[in-house]
């Protein structure tokens, strides 16, 4: 089997990324020097967030911020004309089912139709061509019954029927810490300088990022300059082409939305690890965090059909009954069909979630998907990351530095809100930012070792450092 040779455990790329972006002096290949005196990630950054990061911990101010984030998630969904519930599963984690809506496998629909219709639900238009005929969408006809569907689902599932609530899939799972973790960090090198400091890792590899999309602003420092921006949907094709993150839309109040810039940040991480890869952004989640599992499933299918070698999904959710997402499971079936037809596989990478327990998060927990947990800067377990036997890799998830967006953070959602200008970089915390490091590492490994995606995964597994509950740890980007 192809492997990395003479590399330390957990360091398939040595210390190559340790200082290149943050002002160090690694070997360069004929390029001008990077700017000197630029700040490294903020010292003590993660420690100052510890109360916000601890599952269930923190004082009244922390709880207020968490409630505000959940409220904004619900507001973002209501802007679509629906209502989002907040329900605790048996592990004490918040999950977000769409009020009055269920998903059913077509074969199950024939078995349960009479019972479901008697309970006041009817079949409605799926609205997602990629999944047409593969899943049935049901909606309550009586608003008084819309919130009382959990018992029905539990009863049907106990008899083996494939029925599930229709979930919203938060970014990275456990949506609490994201808005509390932004921190200003100035630009340290142009993309041209960064590219010149290394080999063309990832050249010829397409990495798809399914997220909030990308900022419309073209940075003058060259970062993400080759990422295609699509501002307008094509109404003849279900209107799924736009990939612009509006930043301030849910609601428009002069502040960055809760999840604004998430996709831009994730894409910047991929660009750091595999600067020559082609990065494509697909928007499946709004800047307020509202994105249904149906939206994500269809974006996944489109990305694979468009030829992505690696797909990054920095999103996920636990469920009420620990059941796999029905929509995402069906999307994986479609992905396999596409792969069989074209003759080569895509690698799917997902964040493990920020729930702080070992409960499966979907889509990461699907056997077909590479699940990535989050570690401290010295590759030790964090208490906020999801973990368990289903986690394949882990990488630094605290204080990761990447490309951000212009705007002002809302003080309601963060203990230390910041203003960001042009060419902004920032630090953030979450498994959302560990996953794209692994996605980028797979792209780099494909070119460095001359292998396909699955072989690259095997090589990285062999190079990883075992960490109990966190799969194989990889030291890629530094943290704080």
Protein backbone atom coordinates (compact mmCIF):
# COMPACT_ATOMS: atom_id res chain seq x y z
CA UNK A 1 0.00 0.00 0.00
CA UNK A 2 1.18 3.51 -0.76
CA UNK A 3 2.22 5.29 2.41
CA UNK A 4 4.01 8.35 3.62
CA UNK A 5 7.58 7.39 4.49
CA UNK A 6 9.74 8.68 7.33
CA UNK A 7 7.03 10.92 8.81
CA UNK A 8 6.18 11.12 12.50
CA UNK A 9 2.91 9.67 13.77
CA UNK A 10 0.12 12.07 12.96
CA UNK A 11 2.37 14.27 10.78
CA UNK A 12 2.00 13.14 7.15
CA UNK A 13 3.22 16.56 5.97
CA UNK A 14 5.71 17.22 8.74
CA UNK A 15 5.50 20.77 10.11
CA UNK A 16 5.03 22.32 6.69
CA UNK A 17 1.87 24.24 7.60
CA UNK A 18 2.94 25.32 11.06
CA UNK A 19 4.17 28.81 10.19
CA UNK A 20 3.70 29.40 6.48
CA UNK A 21 0.46 31.39 6.82
CA UNK A 22 1.12 32.92 10.21
CA UNK A 23 4.41 34.66 9.59
CA UNK A 24 7.12 32.00 9.97
CA UNK A 25 10.04 31.33 7.67
CA UNK A 26 9.74 27.90 6.04
CA UNK A 27 11.82 27.04 2.98
CA UNK A 28 10.58 28.97 -0.06
CA UNK A 29 10.99 28.30 -3.73
CA UNK A 30 12.24 31.54 -5.22
CA UNK A 31 9.35 33.69 -3.99
CA UNK A 32 9.62 37.04 -2.29
CA UNK A 33 9.51 36.86 1.49
CA UNK A 34 6.18 36.89 3.29
CA UNK A 35 5.42 39.97 5.38
CA UNK A 36 7.34 40.04 8.65
CA UNK A 37 6.04 40.94 12.06
CA UNK A 38 2.53 39.72 11.36
CA UNK A 39 0.65 38.43 14.43
CA UNK A 40 0.26 34.75 15.11
CA UNK A 41 -3.11 33.43 16.28
CA UNK A 42 -4.26 35.13 19.45
CA UNK A 43 -2.66 33.64 22.58
CA UNK A 44 -5.25 32.26 25.00
CA UNK A 45 -7.96 32.49 22.36
CA UNK A 46 -9.50 29.08 23.08
CA UNK A 47 -9.24 29.52 26.84
CA UNK A 48 -11.32 32.69 26.73
CA UNK A 49 -14.06 30.71 24.97
CA UNK A 50 -13.98 27.78 27.37
CA UNK A 51 -17.32 28.58 29.04
CA UNK A 52 -19.03 28.85 25.65
CA UNK A 53 -17.42 25.63 24.44
CA UNK A 54 -18.27 23.45 27.44
CA UNK A 55 -21.37 21.36 26.70
CA UNK A 56 -24.16 22.57 28.98
CA UNK A 57 -21.80 24.84 30.90
CA UNK A 58 -21.51 28.57 31.41
CA UNK A 59 -23.33 31.26 33.31
CA UNK A 60 -26.42 33.28 32.40
CA UNK A 61 -24.58 35.29 29.73
CA UNK A 62 -23.45 32.11 27.97
CA UNK A 63 -26.93 30.61 28.12
CA UNK A 64 -28.39 33.83 26.75
CA UNK A 65 -26.04 33.68 23.78
CA UNK A 66 -26.99 30.07 23.13
CA UNK A 67 -30.68 30.90 23.28
CA UNK A 68 -30.12 33.81 20.90
CA UNK A 69 -28.39 31.53 18.39
CA UNK A 70 -31.20 28.98 18.50
CA UNK A 71 -33.75 31.77 18.14
CA UNK A 72 -31.98 33.12 15.09
CA UNK A 73 -31.88 29.63 13.57
CA UNK A 74 -35.64 29.46 13.96
CA UNK A 75 -36.08 32.96 12.52
CA UNK A 76 -33.98 32.01 9.51
CA UNK A 77 -36.23 29.05 8.83
CA UNK A 78 -39.42 31.07 9.31
CA UNK A 79 -38.24 33.39 6.52
CA UNK A 80 -38.85 30.40 4.23
CA UNK A 81 -42.47 30.23 5.33
CA UNK A 82 -42.12 27.29 7.72
CA UNK A 83 -41.71 26.73 11.44
CA UNK A 84 -38.77 25.05 13.14
CA UNK A 85 -39.18 23.22 16.43
CA UNK A 86 -36.48 22.75 19.08
CA UNK A 87 -36.64 19.32 20.72
CA UNK A 88 -34.26 17.61 23.13
CA UNK A 89 -33.34 14.07 22.19
CA UNK A 90 -32.66 11.41 24.82
CA UNK A 91 -29.03 12.56 25.06
CA UNK A 92 -30.05 16.07 26.02
CA UNK A 93 -29.02 17.66 22.70
CA UNK A 94 -31.16 20.07 20.72
CA UNK A 95 -32.42 18.82 17.37
CA UNK A 96 -34.44 20.88 14.91
CA UNK A 97 -37.35 19.14 13.16
CA UNK A 98 -39.56 21.08 10.78
CA UNK A 99 -42.94 21.48 12.47
CA UNK A 100 -45.62 19.30 10.92
CA UNK A 101 -43.40 17.60 8.34
CA UNK A 102 -42.28 13.98 7.95
CA UNK A 103 -40.20 12.06 5.38
CA UNK A 104 -41.03 8.52 4.34
CA UNK A 105 -39.42 5.99 2.00
CA UNK A 106 -41.71 5.30 -1.03
CA UNK A 107 -42.13 1.61 -0.18
CA UNK A 108 -43.02 2.52 3.39
CA UNK A 109 -45.57 5.07 2.18
CA UNK A 110 -47.71 2.35 0.69
CA UNK A 111 -47.65 0.45 3.99
CA UNK A 112 -48.47 3.39 6.27
CA UNK A 113 -50.53 5.66 4.04
CA UNK A 114 -53.91 4.96 5.63
CA UNK A 115 -52.58 5.40 9.17
CA UNK A 116 -50.66 8.55 8.33
CA UNK A 117 -53.57 10.18 6.51
CA UNK A 118 -55.83 9.34 9.44
CA UNK A 119 -53.35 11.21 11.64
CA UNK A 120 -53.90 14.32 9.54
CA UNK A 121 -50.94 14.29 7.13
CA UNK A 122 -50.95 14.46 3.35
CA UNK A 123 -48.35 14.02 0.65
CA UNK A 124 -46.97 17.32 -0.68
CA UNK A 125 -44.61 18.24 -3.48
CA UNK A 126 -41.05 17.21 -2.68
CA UNK A 127 -39.58 20.25 -4.40
CA UNK A 128 -36.19 18.57 -4.90
CA UNK A 129 -35.75 17.02 -8.37
CA UNK A 130 -32.55 15.19 -7.39
CA UNK A 131 -34.60 13.05 -4.97
CA UNK A 132 -37.87 12.83 -6.91
CA UNK A 133 -39.44 9.40 -6.61
CA UNK A 134 -36.99 8.34 -3.90
CA UNK A 135 -38.59 9.95 -0.86
CA UNK A 136 -42.09 11.08 0.12
CA UNK A 137 -42.71 14.36 1.91
CA UNK A 138 -45.69 14.60 4.25
CA UNK A 139 -47.20 17.66 5.91
CA UNK A 140 -49.85 18.08 8.60
CA UNK A 141 -53.10 19.53 7.32
CA UNK A 142 -54.22 20.66 10.78
CA UNK A 143 -51.89 23.13 12.56
CA UNK A 144 -53.17 21.83 15.91
CA UNK A 145 -51.69 18.41 15.14
CA UNK A 146 -48.47 19.66 13.60
CA UNK A 147 -46.50 19.61 16.85
CA UNK A 148 -47.75 16.21 17.98
CA UNK A 149 -46.05 13.92 15.48
CA UNK A 150 -43.26 12.46 17.64
CA UNK A 151 -45.48 9.73 19.04
CA UNK A 152 -46.64 8.75 15.56
CA UNK A 153 -43.07 8.54 14.28
CA UNK A 154 -41.98 6.51 17.30
CA UNK A 155 -44.87 4.08 16.83
CA UNK A 156 -44.22 3.62 13.11
CA UNK A 157 -40.48 3.15 13.62
CA UNK A 158 -41.08 0.56 16.34
CA UNK A 159 -42.84 -1.51 13.68
CA UNK A 160 -39.93 -1.19 11.26
CA UNK A 161 -41.28 1.56 9.02
CA UNK A 162 -38.77 4.00 7.49
CA UNK A 163 -40.29 7.26 8.75
CA UNK A 164 -38.45 10.30 10.06
CA UNK A 165 -39.02 13.92 11.02
CA UNK A 166 -37.70 16.36 8.43
CA UNK A 167 -34.65 17.92 10.05
CA UNK A 168 -32.71 21.11 9.64
CA UNK A 169 -29.01 20.30 9.57
CA UNK A 170 -26.91 22.86 11.50
CA UNK A 171 -23.37 23.72 10.46
CA UNK A 172 -21.07 21.25 12.17
CA UNK A 173 -23.71 19.98 14.59
CA UNK A 174 -24.35 21.66 17.92
CA UNK A 175 -24.79 25.18 16.54
CA UNK A 176 -23.99 27.03 19.74
CA UNK A 177 -20.31 27.89 19.63
CA UNK A 178 -20.01 29.27 16.12
CA UNK A 179 -21.00 32.91 16.68
CA UNK A 180 -19.07 33.16 19.93
CA UNK A 181 -15.78 32.17 18.37
CA UNK A 182 -14.89 34.77 15.75
CA UNK A 183 -11.67 36.69 16.37
CA UNK A 184 -9.85 39.20 14.19
CA UNK A 185 -6.54 38.14 12.67
CA UNK A 186 -4.89 40.24 9.95
CA UNK A 187 -3.80 38.98 6.57
CA UNK A 188 -0.32 37.58 6.65
CA UNK A 189 0.44 36.63 3.05
CA UNK A 190 -1.13 36.96 -0.36
CA UNK A 191 -2.28 33.77 -2.04
CA UNK A 192 0.45 34.22 -4.66
CA UNK A 193 3.08 34.28 -1.93
CA UNK A 194 1.49 31.33 -0.20
CA UNK A 195 1.38 29.24 -3.38
CA UNK A 196 5.02 30.03 -4.10
CA UNK A 197 6.10 28.62 -0.75
CA UNK A 198 5.06 25.08 -1.57
CA UNK A 199 4.42 22.54 -4.34
CA UNK A 200 1.16 22.61 -6.34
CA UNK A 201 -0.64 20.28 -3.93
CA UNK A 202 -4.07 19.20 -5.08
CA UNK A 203 -3.53 20.14 -8.72
CA UNK A 204 -6.22 18.50 -10.85
CA UNK A 205 -8.36 17.60 -7.81
CA UNK A 206 -11.85 19.09 -7.44
CA UNK A 207 -12.95 19.75 -3.85
CA UNK A 208 -16.62 20.65 -3.35
CA UNK A 209 -17.63 22.58 -0.23
CA UNK A 210 -21.33 22.30 0.69
CA UNK A 211 -22.01 25.13 3.08
CA UNK A 212 -23.33 28.72 3.20
CA UNK A 213 -21.69 29.56 -0.12
CA UNK A 214 -18.96 32.14 -0.65
CA UNK A 215 -18.82 35.89 -0.15
CA UNK A 216 -19.50 37.85 -3.34
CA UNK A 217 -16.52 40.11 -2.62
CA UNK A 218 -13.38 39.36 -4.60
CA UNK A 219 -10.45 39.76 -2.25
CA UNK A 220 -7.46 41.76 -3.47
CA UNK A 221 -5.01 39.37 -1.80
CA UNK A 222 -5.90 36.56 -4.21
CA UNK A 223 -7.36 34.14 -1.67
CA UNK A 224 -10.31 32.23 -3.14
CA UNK A 225 -9.90 34.25 -6.31
CA UNK A 226 -10.50 31.25 -8.56
CA UNK A 227 -13.68 30.12 -6.79
CA UNK A 228 -16.59 30.60 -9.17
CA UNK A 229 -19.31 32.96 -7.92
CA UNK A 230 -22.85 32.41 -9.22
CA UNK A 231 -25.16 35.24 -8.21
CA UNK A 232 -28.44 34.23 -9.86
CA UNK A 233 -30.34 30.94 -9.88
CA UNK A 234 -31.58 29.40 -13.10
CA UNK A 235 -35.38 29.18 -12.63
CA UNK A 236 -35.60 26.49 -15.32
CA UNK A 237 -33.44 24.17 -13.22
CA UNK A 238 -35.06 24.44 -9.78
CA UNK A 239 -32.95 27.46 -8.92
CA UNK A 240 -30.02 25.81 -7.15
CA UNK A 241 -27.05 27.45 -8.86
CA UNK A 242 -26.51 30.55 -6.71
CA UNK A 243 -23.67 30.13 -4.25
CA UNK A 244 -23.35 33.65 -2.83
CA UNK A 245 -23.44 34.03 0.94
CA UNK A 246 -25.51 37.21 1.56
CA UNK A 247 -23.88 37.70 4.99
CA UNK A 248 -26.62 39.99 6.34
CA UNK A 249 -30.03 38.62 5.36
CA UNK A 250 -31.61 36.66 8.22
CA UNK A 251 -32.60 39.32 9.21
CA UNK A 252 -31.05 42.33 7.47
CA UNK A 253 -29.95 44.34 10.53
CA UNK A 254 -26.49 45.72 9.74
CA UNK A 255 -24.69 42.81 11.44
CA UNK A 256 -23.21 39.60 10.10
CA UNK A 257 -25.68 36.75 10.43
CA UNK A 258 -24.93 33.96 12.90
CA UNK A 259 -23.27 31.71 10.33
CA UNK A 260 -22.18 34.35 7.82
CA UNK A 261 -18.82 33.58 6.27
CA UNK A 262 -18.84 29.93 7.32
CA UNK A 263 -18.46 28.62 3.77
CA UNK A 264 -15.80 31.22 2.96
CA UNK A 265 -13.85 30.18 6.07
CA UNK A 266 -14.10 26.46 5.24
CA UNK A 267 -13.01 27.04 1.63
CA UNK A 268 -10.00 29.01 2.85
CA UNK A 269 -8.89 26.04 4.95
CA UNK A 270 -9.02 23.75 1.92
CA UNK A 271 -7.01 26.34 -0.04
CA UNK A 272 -4.33 26.42 2.65
CA UNK A 273 -3.87 22.66 2.66
CA UNK A 274 -4.24 22.06 -1.09
CA UNK A 275 -3.65 25.45 -2.77
CA UNK A 276 -3.72 24.07 -6.32
CA UNK A 277 -7.03 22.22 -5.94
CA UNK A 278 -10.13 23.51 -7.70
CA UNK A 279 -12.58 24.55 -4.98
CA UNK A 280 -16.29 24.70 -5.77
CA UNK A 281 -18.86 26.16 -3.36
CA UNK A 282 -22.43 24.87 -3.15
CA UNK A 283 -24.92 26.76 -1.01
CA UNK A 284 -27.24 24.50 1.01
CA UNK A 285 -27.47 26.52 4.24
CA UNK A 286 -28.47 30.14 4.78
CA UNK A 287 -26.31 32.58 6.78
CA UNK A 288 -28.75 32.25 9.68
CA UNK A 289 -28.00 28.51 9.84
CA UNK A 290 -31.24 27.24 8.27
CA UNK A 291 -30.67 24.43 5.77
CA UNK A 292 -32.79 21.33 5.47
CA UNK A 293 -31.40 17.84 5.11
CA UNK A 294 -33.19 17.77 1.74
CA UNK A 295 -31.21 20.83 0.60
CA UNK A 296 -27.95 19.27 1.75
CA UNK A 297 -28.79 15.93 0.13
CA UNK A 298 -29.46 17.55 -3.24
CA UNK A 299 -26.31 19.66 -3.07
CA UNK A 300 -24.30 16.51 -2.35
CA UNK A 301 -25.74 14.78 -5.39
CA UNK A 302 -25.02 17.79 -7.61
CA UNK A 303 -21.44 18.07 -6.36
CA UNK A 304 -20.69 14.43 -7.10
CA UNK A 305 -22.43 14.55 -10.46
CA UNK A 306 -20.38 17.66 -11.31
CA UNK A 307 -17.20 15.63 -10.85
CA UNK A 308 -16.00 16.42 -7.32
CA UNK A 309 -13.22 14.11 -6.18
CA UNK A 310 -13.64 15.22 -2.56
CA UNK A 311 -16.77 16.69 -0.94
CA UNK A 312 -16.62 18.55 2.37
CA UNK A 313 -19.75 18.87 4.54
CA UNK A 314 -19.04 20.93 7.65
CA UNK A 315 -22.55 20.37 8.96
CA UNK A 316 -24.59 17.71 10.66
CA UNK A 317 -27.21 16.86 13.23
CA UNK A 318 -28.13 14.34 15.86
CA UNK A 319 -31.66 12.99 15.55
CA UNK A 320 -34.56 12.23 17.87
CA UNK A 321 -34.20 8.45 17.74
CA UNK A 322 -30.50 8.20 16.74
CA UNK A 323 -31.78 7.24 13.30
CA UNK A 324 -29.74 8.10 10.21
CA UNK A 325 -30.98 11.01 8.14
CA UNK A 326 -33.41 9.50 5.66
CA UNK A 327 -32.75 12.14 3.00
CA UNK A 328 -28.96 11.93 3.27
CA UNK A 329 -29.03 8.14 3.25
CA UNK A 330 -30.98 8.20 -0.02
CA UNK A 331 -28.56 10.78 -1.41
CA UNK A 332 -25.71 8.37 -0.71
CA UNK A 333 -27.57 5.73 -2.74
CA UNK A 334 -27.73 8.18 -5.66
CA UNK A 335 -24.03 8.97 -5.23
CA UNK A 336 -23.19 5.28 -5.54
CA UNK A 337 -25.22 5.07 -8.75
CA UNK A 338 -23.32 8.04 -10.20
CA UNK A 339 -20.00 6.47 -9.22
CA UNK A 340 -20.93 3.12 -10.76
CA UNK A 341 -21.85 4.83 -14.03
CA UNK A 342 -18.66 6.85 -14.34
CA UNK A 343 -16.31 4.25 -12.87
CA UNK A 344 -14.60 6.15 -10.02
CA UNK A 345 -15.56 7.14 -6.45
CA UNK A 346 -15.74 10.48 -4.67
CA UNK A 347 -14.56 10.82 -1.07
CA UNK A 348 -17.11 12.39 1.28
CA UNK A 349 -15.85 14.16 4.41
CA UNK A 350 -18.03 15.54 7.21
CA UNK A 351 -17.53 17.22 10.56
CA UNK A 352 -18.32 14.94 13.50
CA UNK A 353 -20.27 17.63 15.36
CA UNK A 354 -19.84 19.76 18.45
CA UNK A 355 -22.14 17.90 20.84
CA UNK A 356 -19.44 16.74 23.26
CA UNK A 357 -20.65 13.11 23.38
CA UNK A 358 -20.46 9.87 21.40
CA UNK A 359 -23.94 10.02 19.90
CA UNK A 360 -23.82 9.65 16.11
CA UNK A 361 -24.09 12.84 14.08
CA UNK A 362 -25.37 12.60 10.51
CA UNK A 363 -24.05 12.55 7.80
CA UNK A 364 -20.67 11.96 9.51
CA UNK A 365 -21.77 8.67 11.10
CA UNK A 366 -22.68 7.01 7.80
CA UNK A 367 -20.13 4.29 7.08
CA UNK A 368 -19.53 5.75 3.63
CA UNK A 369 -18.60 9.19 5.04
CA UNK A 370 -15.25 10.17 6.59
CA UNK A 371 -16.07 11.64 10.03
CA UNK A 372 -13.67 14.23 11.50
CA UNK A 373 -13.49 15.29 15.16
CA UNK A 374 -11.87 18.36 16.69
CA UNK A 375 -8.72 18.44 18.85
CA UNK A 376 -6.75 21.04 20.79
CA UNK A 377 -3.69 22.63 19.21
CA UNK A 378 -1.49 19.87 20.68
CA UNK A 379 -3.72 17.07 19.34
CA UNK A 380 -5.48 16.30 22.60
CA UNK A 381 -9.20 15.53 22.92
CA UNK A 382 -11.56 18.46 23.40
CA UNK A 383 -14.64 18.23 25.59
CA UNK A 384 -16.88 19.92 23.01
CA UNK A 385 -16.22 17.67 20.00
CA UNK A 386 -18.37 14.68 19.19
CA UNK A 387 -16.39 11.47 19.38
CA UNK A 388 -16.81 7.69 19.21
CA UNK A 389 -16.01 4.58 17.23
CA UNK A 390 -17.64 6.11 14.15
CA UNK A 391 -15.08 8.96 14.00
CA UNK A 392 -12.34 8.26 11.44
CA UNK A 393 -9.98 11.24 11.73
CA UNK A 394 -9.45 14.27 13.91
CA UNK A 395 -7.54 17.50 13.44
CA UNK A 396 -7.04 20.76 15.29
CA UNK A 397 -10.40 22.47 15.80
CA UNK A 398 -9.52 25.32 18.16
CA UNK A 399 -8.25 28.65 16.91
CA UNK A 400 -8.00 27.65 13.25
CA UNK A 401 -7.06 30.64 11.07
CA UNK A 402 -8.70 31.18 7.68
CA UNK A 403 -10.33 33.58 5.24
CA UNK A 404 -13.31 35.53 6.53
CA UNK A 405 -15.72 38.20 5.31
CA UNK A 406 -16.30 41.92 5.65
CA UNK A 407 -18.77 43.03 8.32
CA UNK A 408 -19.56 43.53 11.99
CA UNK A 409 -20.41 40.70 14.36
CA UNK A 410 -23.60 41.00 16.39
CA UNK A 411 -22.82 41.51 20.11
CA UNK A 412 -25.87 39.39 20.98
CA UNK A 413 -24.08 36.25 19.75
CA UNK A 414 -20.51 36.74 20.93
CA UNK A 415 -18.71 37.81 24.08
CA UNK A 416 -16.16 39.81 22.07
CA UNK A 417 -17.72 40.92 18.74
CA UNK A 418 -15.34 42.13 16.05
CA UNK A 419 -15.40 44.32 12.96
CA UNK A 420 -13.84 42.80 9.85
CA UNK A 421 -12.56 44.74 6.86
CA UNK A 422 -11.32 43.80 3.40
CA UNK A 423 -9.14 40.69 3.02
CA UNK A 424 -10.11 39.56 6.51
CA UNK A 425 -8.76 36.49 8.23
CA UNK A 426 -10.26 35.15 11.45
CA UNK A 427 -10.02 32.37 14.00
CA UNK A 428 -12.87 30.01 14.72
CA UNK A 429 -13.63 26.88 16.73
CA UNK A 430 -15.47 23.70 15.77
CA UNK A 431 -15.30 20.39 13.96
CA UNK A 432 -16.47 22.42 10.95
CA UNK A 433 -12.88 23.58 10.65
CA UNK A 434 -11.19 20.24 11.32
CA UNK A 435 -13.08 18.52 8.48
CA UNK A 436 -11.80 20.72 5.61
CA UNK A 437 -8.24 20.16 6.79
CA UNK A 438 -8.77 16.44 6.18
CA UNK A 439 -10.57 17.13 2.88
CA UNK A 440 -7.61 19.24 1.78
CA UNK A 441 -5.18 16.60 3.03
CA UNK A 442 -6.91 13.97 0.89
CA UNK A 443 -6.62 16.24 -2.16
CA UNK A 444 -2.94 16.87 -1.43
CA UNK A 445 -2.24 13.18 -0.86
CA UNK A 446 -3.85 12.28 -4.18
CA UNK A 447 -1.29 14.41 -6.01
CA UNK A 448 1.69 13.86 -3.73
CA UNK A 449 1.42 10.08 -3.82
CA UNK A 450 -0.28 9.79 -7.21
CA UNK A 451 -3.28 7.85 -5.89
CA UNK A 452 -7.05 8.07 -6.06
CA UNK A 453 -9.27 9.34 -3.25
CA UNK A 454 -9.85 6.08 -1.33
CA UNK A 455 -6.15 5.23 -1.52
CA UNK A 456 -5.33 8.69 -0.19
CA UNK A 457 -7.64 8.04 2.76
CA UNK A 458 -5.86 4.76 3.47
CA UNK A 459 -2.46 6.46 3.37
CA UNK A 460 -3.62 9.13 5.81
CA UNK A 461 -5.12 6.53 8.13
CA UNK A 462 -1.78 4.74 8.18
CA UNK A 463 -0.01 8.02 8.94
CA UNK A 464 -2.44 9.15 11.67
CA UNK A 465 -1.87 9.01 15.41
CA UNK A 466 -4.51 6.96 17.23
CA UNK A 467 -6.47 9.02 19.77
CA UNK A 468 -9.15 7.16 21.74
CA UNK A 469 -12.59 8.19 20.50
CA UNK A 470 -11.15 10.50 17.85
CA UNK A 471 -9.94 8.06 15.20
CA UNK A 472 -6.57 8.94 13.68
CA UNK A 473 -5.24 12.38 14.56
CA UNK A 474 -3.53 14.44 11.85
CA UNK A 475 -1.44 17.54 12.55
CA UNK A 476 -2.18 19.78 9.57
CA UNK A 477 -2.93 23.45 10.29
CA UNK A 478 -1.91 25.01 13.61
CA UNK A 479 -4.45 26.22 16.13
CA UNK A 480 -4.52 28.32 19.27
